[in-house]
C-alpha atoms as a PDB file:
ATOM      1  CA  MET A   1       0.000   0.000   0.000  1.00  0.00           C
ATOM      2  CA  GLN A   2       1.470   3.348  -1.002  1.00  0.00           C
ATOM      3  CA  GLU A   3       1.696   6.230   1.482  1.00  0.00           C
ATOM      4  CA  LYS A   4      -0.834   8.282  -0.486  1.00  0.00           C
ATOM      5  CA  ARG A   5      -3.381   5.480  -0.115  1.00  0.00           C
ATOM      6  CA  VAL A   6      -2.635   5.171   3.624  1.00  0.00           C
ATOM      7  CA  LEU A   7      -3.352   8.879   4.100  1.00  0.00           C
ATOM      8  CA  LYS A   8      -6.541   8.549   2.044  1.00  0.00           C
ATOM      9  CA  GLU A   9      -7.679   5.754   4.379  1.00  0.00           C
ATOM     10  CA  PHE A  10      -7.141   8.102   7.350  1.00  0.00           C
ATOM     11  CA  ALA A  11      -8.825  11.045   5.591  1.00  0.00           C
ATOM     12  CA  ASP A  12     -11.823   8.907   4.549  1.00  0.00           C
ATOM     13  CA  ALA A  13     -12.234   7.872   8.202  1.00  0.00           C
ATOM     14  CA  GLY A  14     -12.136  11.476   9.432  1.00  0.00           C
ATOM     15  CA  ALA A  15      -8.923  10.536  11.232  1.00  0.00           C
ATOM     16  CA  LEU A  16      -6.598  13.186   9.769  1.00  0.00           C
ATOM     17  CA  LEU A  17      -7.307  16.215  11.948  1.00  0.00           C
ATOM     18  CA  GLU A  18      -6.216  19.852  11.639  1.00  0.00           C
ATOM     19  CA  GLY A  19      -5.976  22.273  14.588  1.00  0.00           C
ATOM     20  CA  HIS A  20      -3.741  22.561  17.674  1.00  0.00           C
ATOM     21  CA  PHE A  21      -2.989  19.270  19.373  1.00  0.00           C
ATOM     22  CA  VAL A  22      -0.870  18.256  22.349  1.00  0.00           C
ATOM     23  CA  LEU A  23       0.642  14.894  21.450  1.00  0.00           C
ATOM     24  CA  SER A  24       1.350  12.077  23.922  1.00  0.00           C
ATOM     25  CA  SER A  25       4.995  13.169  23.781  1.00  0.00           C
ATOM     26  CA  GLY A  26       4.026  16.607  25.111  1.00  0.00           C
ATOM     27  CA  LEU A  27       4.918  18.234  21.792  1.00  0.00           C
ATOM     28  CA  HIS A  28       2.386  20.402  19.946  1.00  0.00           C
ATOM     29  CA  SER A  29       1.308  19.941  16.323  1.00  0.00           C
ATOM     30  CA  SER A  30      -1.160  21.355  13.808  1.00  0.00           C
ATOM     31  CA  ARG A  31      -2.013  17.853  12.525  1.00  0.00           C
ATOM     32  CA  TYR A  32      -3.177  14.788  14.425  1.00  0.00           C
ATOM     33  CA  LEU A  33      -3.729  11.252  13.187  1.00  0.00           C
ATOM     34  CA  GLN A  34      -6.545   9.676  15.207  1.00  0.00           C
ATOM     35  CA  CYS A  35      -5.841   5.981  14.647  1.00  0.00           C
ATOM     36  CA  ALA A  36      -8.814   4.855  16.712  1.00  0.00           C
ATOM     37  CA  ARG A  37     -11.129   6.472  14.132  1.00  0.00           C
ATOM     38  CA  ALA A  38      -9.257   4.863  11.243  1.00  0.00           C
ATOM     39  CA  LEU A  39      -9.326   1.433  12.917  1.00  0.00           C
ATOM     40  CA  MET A  40     -12.950   1.490  14.097  1.00  0.00           C
ATOM     41  CA  ASP A  41     -13.881   0.058  10.686  1.00  0.00           C
ATOM     42  CA  ALA A  42     -12.702  -3.560  10.890  1.00  0.00           C
ATOM     43  CA  LYS A  43     -12.322  -3.812   7.107  1.00  0.00           C
ATOM     44  CA  ARG A  44     -10.117  -0.703   7.027  1.00  0.00           C
ATOM     45  CA  ALA A  45      -8.067  -2.031   9.966  1.00  0.00           C
ATOM     46  CA  ALA A  46      -7.591  -5.319   8.115  1.00  0.00           C
ATOM     47  CA  ARG A  47      -6.483  -3.533   4.912  1.00  0.00           C
ATOM     48  CA  LEU A  48      -3.975  -1.322   6.731  1.00  0.00           C
ATOM     49  CA  CYS A  49      -2.561  -4.100   8.901  1.00  0.00           C
ATOM     50  CA  LYS A  50      -2.382  -6.561   6.004  1.00  0.00           C
ATOM     51  CA  ALA A  51      -0.172  -4.041   4.194  1.00  0.00           C
ATOM     52  CA  LEU A  52       1.888  -3.424   7.342  1.00  0.00           C
ATOM     53  CA  ALA A  53       2.304  -7.181   7.904  1.00  0.00           C
ATOM     54  CA  ALA A  54       3.644  -7.504   4.344  1.00  0.00           C
ATOM     55  CA  ARG A  55       6.129  -4.709   5.065  1.00  0.00           C
ATOM     56  CA  VAL A  56       7.216  -6.425   8.297  1.00  0.00           C
ATOM     57  CA  ARG A  57       7.755  -9.711   6.457  1.00  0.00           C
ATOM     58  CA  GLU A  58      10.046  -7.863   4.004  1.00  0.00           C
ATOM     59  CA  ASP A  59      11.960  -6.017   6.748  1.00  0.00           C
ATOM     60  CA  CYS A  60      12.283  -8.696   9.449  1.00  0.00           C
ATOM     61  CA  ALA A  61      14.251 -11.804   8.540  1.00  0.00           C
ATOM     62  CA  LYS A  62      13.600 -13.442  11.932  1.00  0.00           C
ATOM     63  CA  PRO A  63      10.482 -15.408  12.849  1.00  0.00           C
ATOM     64  CA  ILE A  64       7.899 -13.695  15.055  1.00  0.00           C
ATOM     65  CA  ASP A  65       6.241 -15.581  17.907  1.00  0.00           C
ATOM     66  CA  LEU A  66       4.246 -12.790  19.538  1.00  0.00           C
ATOM     67  CA  VAL A  67       3.007  -9.254  18.857  1.00  0.00           C
ATOM     68  CA  VAL A  68       3.235  -6.902  21.842  1.00  0.00           C
ATOM     69  CA  SER A  69       1.801  -3.404  21.790  1.00  0.00           C
ATOM     70  CA  PRO A  70       1.456  -0.527  24.229  1.00  0.00           C
ATOM     71  CA  ALA A  71      -2.037   0.394  25.407  1.00  0.00           C
ATOM     72  CA  MET A  72      -4.106   2.281  24.519  1.00  0.00           C
ATOM     73  CA  GLY A  73      -3.187   3.295  20.986  1.00  0.00           C
ATOM     74  CA  GLY A  74      -1.491   0.050  20.053  1.00  0.00           C
ATOM     75  CA  VAL A  75      -4.168  -2.387  21.217  1.00  0.00           C
ATOM     76  CA  ILE A  76      -6.278  -2.547  18.044  1.00  0.00           C
ATOM     77  CA  VAL A  77      -3.367  -2.409  15.600  1.00  0.00           C
ATOM     78  CA  GLY A  78      -1.485  -4.984  17.695  1.00  0.00           C
ATOM     79  CA  TYR A  79      -4.447  -7.363  17.728  1.00  0.00           C
ATOM     80  CA  GLU A  80      -4.948  -7.071  13.974  1.00  0.00           C
ATOM     81  CA  MET A  81      -1.214  -7.462  13.302  1.00  0.00           C
ATOM     82  CA  GLY A  82      -1.230 -10.668  15.339  1.00  0.00           C
ATOM     83  CA  ARG A  83      -4.143 -11.902  13.240  1.00  0.00           C
ATOM     84  CA  GLN A  84      -2.424 -10.959   9.981  1.00  0.00           C
ATOM     85  CA  LEU A  85       0.873 -12.578  11.041  1.00  0.00           C
ATOM     86  CA  GLY A  86      -0.835 -15.663  12.489  1.00  0.00           C
ATOM     87  CA  VAL A  87       0.585 -15.217  16.015  1.00  0.00           C
ATOM     88  CA  PRO A  88      -0.905 -14.249  19.388  1.00  0.00           C
ATOM     89  CA  SER A  89      -0.959 -10.622  20.476  1.00  0.00           C
ATOM     90  CA  ILE A  90      -0.842  -9.068  23.933  1.00  0.00           C
ATOM     91  CA  PHE A  91      -0.532  -5.531  25.226  1.00  0.00           C
ATOM     92  CA  LEU A  92       1.299  -3.579  27.872  1.00  0.00           C
ATOM     93  CA  GLU A  93      -0.430  -1.127  30.208  1.00  0.00           C
ATOM     94  CA  ARG A  94       0.943   1.771  32.192  1.00  0.00           C
ATOM     95  CA  VAL A  95       1.002   1.260  35.946  1.00  0.00           C
ATOM     96  CA  ASP A  96       2.422   4.212  37.869  1.00  0.00           C
ATOM     97  CA  GLY A  97       3.729   5.577  34.562  1.00  0.00           C
ATOM     98  CA  GLU A  98       5.609   2.436  33.445  1.00  0.00           C
ATOM     99  CA  PHE A  99       4.593  -0.250  30.983  1.00  0.00           C
ATOM    100  CA  THR A 100       3.901  -3.639  32.509  1.00  0.00           C
ATOM    101  CA  LEU A 101       2.098  -6.866  31.656  1.00  0.00           C
ATOM    102  CA  ARG A 102      -1.286  -7.381  33.322  1.00  0.00           C
ATOM    103  CA  ARG A 103      -4.413  -9.516  32.749  1.00  0.00           C
ATOM    104  CA  GLY A 104      -2.459 -12.753  33.029  1.00  0.00           C
ATOM    105  CA  PHE A 105      -0.222 -11.928  30.041  1.00  0.00           C
ATOM    106  CA  ASP A 106       3.346 -13.174  30.131  1.00  0.00           C
ATOM    107  CA  ILE A 107       6.236 -13.481  27.721  1.00  0.00           C
ATOM    108  CA  PRO A 108       8.149 -16.756  28.002  1.00  0.00           C
ATOM    109  CA  LYS A 109      11.921 -16.233  28.024  1.00  0.00           C
ATOM    110  CA  GLY A 110      13.356 -15.948  24.516  1.00  0.00           C
ATOM    111  CA  THR A 111      10.001 -15.357  22.786  1.00  0.00           C
ATOM    112  CA  LYS A 112      10.613 -13.474  19.534  1.00  0.00           C
ATOM    113  CA  CYS A 113       8.452 -10.358  19.793  1.00  0.00           C
ATOM    114  CA  LEU A 114       7.350  -7.699  17.345  1.00  0.00           C
ATOM    115  CA  MET A 115       6.503  -4.434  19.116  1.00  0.00           C
ATOM    116  CA  VAL A 116       3.602  -2.741  17.299  1.00  0.00           C
ATOM    117  CA  GLU A 117       2.426   0.870  17.719  1.00  0.00           C
ATOM    118  CA  ASP A 118      -0.195   2.932  15.959  1.00  0.00           C
ATOM    119  CA  ILE A 119       1.780   6.192  15.526  1.00  0.00           C
ATOM    120  CA  VAL A 120       5.434   6.954  16.288  1.00  0.00           C
ATOM    121  CA  THR A 121       6.409  10.587  16.852  1.00  0.00           C
ATOM    122  CA  THR A 122       9.468  10.713  19.121  1.00  0.00           C
ATOM    123  CA  GLY A 123       9.711   6.952  19.687  1.00  0.00           C
ATOM    124  CA  LEU A 124       9.507   7.303  23.487  1.00  0.00           C
ATOM    125  CA  SER A 125       6.521   4.955  23.958  1.00  0.00           C
ATOM    126  CA  SER A 126       8.102   2.442  21.588  1.00  0.00           C
ATOM    127  CA  ARG A 127      11.391   2.482  23.491  1.00  0.00           C
ATOM    128  CA  GLU A 128       9.547   2.125  26.812  1.00  0.00           C
ATOM    129  CA  ALA A 129       7.519  -0.793  25.431  1.00  0.00           C
ATOM    130  CA  ILE A 130      10.660  -2.494  24.102  1.00  0.00           C
ATOM    131  CA  THR A 131      12.321  -2.099  27.508  1.00  0.00           C
ATOM    132  CA  ALA A 132       9.288  -3.714  29.178  1.00  0.00           C
ATOM    133  CA  ILE A 133       9.243  -6.593  26.666  1.00  0.00           C
ATOM    134  CA  ARG A 134      12.917  -7.312  27.309  1.00  0.00           C
ATOM    135  CA  ALA A 135      12.447  -7.052  31.084  1.00  0.00           C
ATOM    136  CA  ALA A 136       9.681  -9.670  30.810  1.00  0.00           C
ATOM    137  CA  GLY A 137      12.033 -12.067  28.971  1.00  0.00           C
ATOM    138  CA  GLY A 138      11.158 -11.374  25.331  1.00  0.00           C
ATOM    139  CA  THR A 139      13.566 -10.858  22.455  1.00  0.00           C
ATOM    140  CA  VAL A 140      12.489  -7.910  20.318  1.00  0.00           C
ATOM    141  CA  VAL A 141      13.107  -8.799  16.662  1.00  0.00           C
ATOM    142  CA  GLY A 142      11.545  -5.643  15.206  1.00  0.00           C
ATOM    143  CA  ALA A 143       9.040  -2.843  15.611  1.00  0.00           C
ATOM    144  CA  ALA A 144       6.204  -1.649  13.400  1.00  0.00           C
ATOM    145  CA  CYS A 145       3.741   1.216  13.201  1.00  0.00           C
ATOM    146  CA  LEU A 146       1.086   2.440  10.821  1.00  0.00           C
ATOM    147  CA  ILE A 147       2.486   5.987  10.643  1.00  0.00           C
ATOM    148  CA  ASP A 148       5.968   7.250  11.495  1.00  0.00           C
ATOM    149  CA  ARG A 149       5.438  10.996  12.034  1.00  0.00           C
ATOM    150  CA  SER A 150       9.184  11.511  12.369  1.00  0.00           C
ATOM    151  CA  ASN A 151       9.823  10.466   8.756  1.00  0.00           C
ATOM    152  CA  GLY A 152      12.414   7.928   9.935  1.00  0.00           C
ATOM    153  CA  LYS A 153      14.195  10.200  12.438  1.00  0.00           C
ATOM    154  CA  SER A 154      12.914   8.514  15.628  1.00  0.00           C
ATOM    155  CA  LYS A 155      15.129   5.732  16.873  1.00  0.00           C
ATOM    156  CA  VAL A 156      13.409   2.982  18.830  1.00  0.00           C
ATOM    157  CA  GLY A 157      16.404   0.655  19.255  1.00  0.00           C
ATOM    158  CA  VAL A 158      15.410  -1.896  16.603  1.00  0.00           C
ATOM    159  CA  LYS A 159      14.381  -1.656  12.949  1.00  0.00           C
ATOM    160  CA  LEU A 160      11.070   0.192  12.645  1.00  0.00           C
ATOM    161  CA  SER A 161       8.779  -0.830   9.782  1.00  0.00           C
ATOM    162  CA  ALA A 162       6.195   1.836   8.960  1.00  0.00           C
ATOM    163  CA  LEU A 163       3.326   1.766   6.507  1.00  0.00           C
ATOM    164  CA  ALA A 164       3.793   5.503   5.922  1.00  0.00           C
ATOM    165  CA  LYS A 165       6.466   8.006   6.909  1.00  0.00           C
ATOM    166  CA  LEU A 166       5.431  11.628   7.249  1.00  0.00           C
ATOM    167  CA  SER A 167       7.203  14.788   8.192  1.00  0.00           C
ATOM    168  CA  ILE A 168       4.725  16.622  10.412  1.00  0.00           C
ATOM    169  CA  PRO A 169       6.334  19.377  12.469  1.00  0.00           C
ATOM    170  CA  ALA A 170       5.952  19.152  16.241  1.00  0.00           C
ATOM    171  CA  TYR A 171       6.969  21.895  18.657  1.00  0.00           C
ATOM    172  CA  GLU A 172       7.902  22.375  22.291  1.00  0.00           C
ATOM    173  CA  ALA A 173       5.195  24.296  24.187  1.00  0.00           C
ATOM    174  CA  ASP A 174       7.391  27.381  24.520  1.00  0.00           C
ATOM    175  CA  LYS A 175       8.399  27.396  20.821  1.00  0.00           C
ATOM    176  CA  LEU A 176       5.045  27.418  19.045  1.00  0.00           C
ATOM    177  CA  PRO A 177       4.604  29.301  15.766  1.00  0.00           C
ATOM    178  CA  ASP A 178       2.199  32.247  16.193  1.00  0.00           C
ATOM    179  CA  ASP A 179      -0.581  30.669  14.103  1.00  0.00           C
ATOM    180  CA  LEU A 180      -0.540  27.503  16.233  1.00  0.00           C
ATOM    181  CA  ALA A 181      -0.307  29.421  19.527  1.00  0.00           C
ATOM    182  CA  ALA A 182      -3.444  31.362  18.549  1.00  0.00           C
ATOM    183  CA  LEU A 183      -5.538  28.177  18.569  1.00  0.00           C
ATOM    184  CA  PRO A 184      -6.828  26.407  21.704  1.00  0.00           C
ATOM    185  CA  ALA A 185      -4.905  23.182  22.361  1.00  0.00           C
ATOM    186  CA  ILE A 186      -6.646  19.793  22.439  1.00  0.00           C
ATOM    187  CA  LYS A 187      -5.051  16.660  23.986  1.00  0.00           C
ATOM    188  CA  PRO A 188      -6.669  13.713  22.179  1.00  0.00           C
ATOM    189  CA  GLY A 189      -4.202  10.973  23.230  1.00  0.00           C
ATOM    190  CA  SER A 190      -4.497   8.579  26.162  1.00  0.00           C
ATOM    191  CA  ARG A 191      -1.204   9.155  28.019  1.00  0.00           C
ATOM    192  CA  GLY A 192      -1.778  10.824  31.349  1.00  0.00           C
ATOM    193  CA  LEU A 193      -5.520  10.104  31.578  1.00  0.00           C
ATOM    194  CA  LYS A 194      -6.747   9.700  35.130  1.00  0.00           C
END
């Protein structure tokens, strides 16, 4: 699937938003990709993840035993990637700010894991998830996301396969362009919810 088609899928779902957004990273941006809206249509989720699974198969020479994704944003894409790759999928949740396994999930020592995210901006959540996977005994053989907002600049510690790479500027709160600062900020992500 070409990047133009990926963006059309998001636009058709009303998931490519314009305004002033505070990202999970704390950075501010004039564009936001609301993956939950794009993935609420199971057929669209299957199309996107089928294409991402094909990309992962090209990029990752090692077998994959398990898909692990960070909650909340990665849960749906992680589940569908597990289905597309024919392996189980589990997710990590934040407890006291750190990713951990709950709900009876475990990762047997040496399990070859693919860490799957919805969107990567700075790569912080991906790196934290990879650290948690390794701490639980897994071997991370690769990472994948639907959209890499950093256009390949974020480093997550392993090869990152992305369905689309975009260059969407993101700014520190004290370095906003005037046009962005003039708009009220919305925080649509899940990090930091009480």
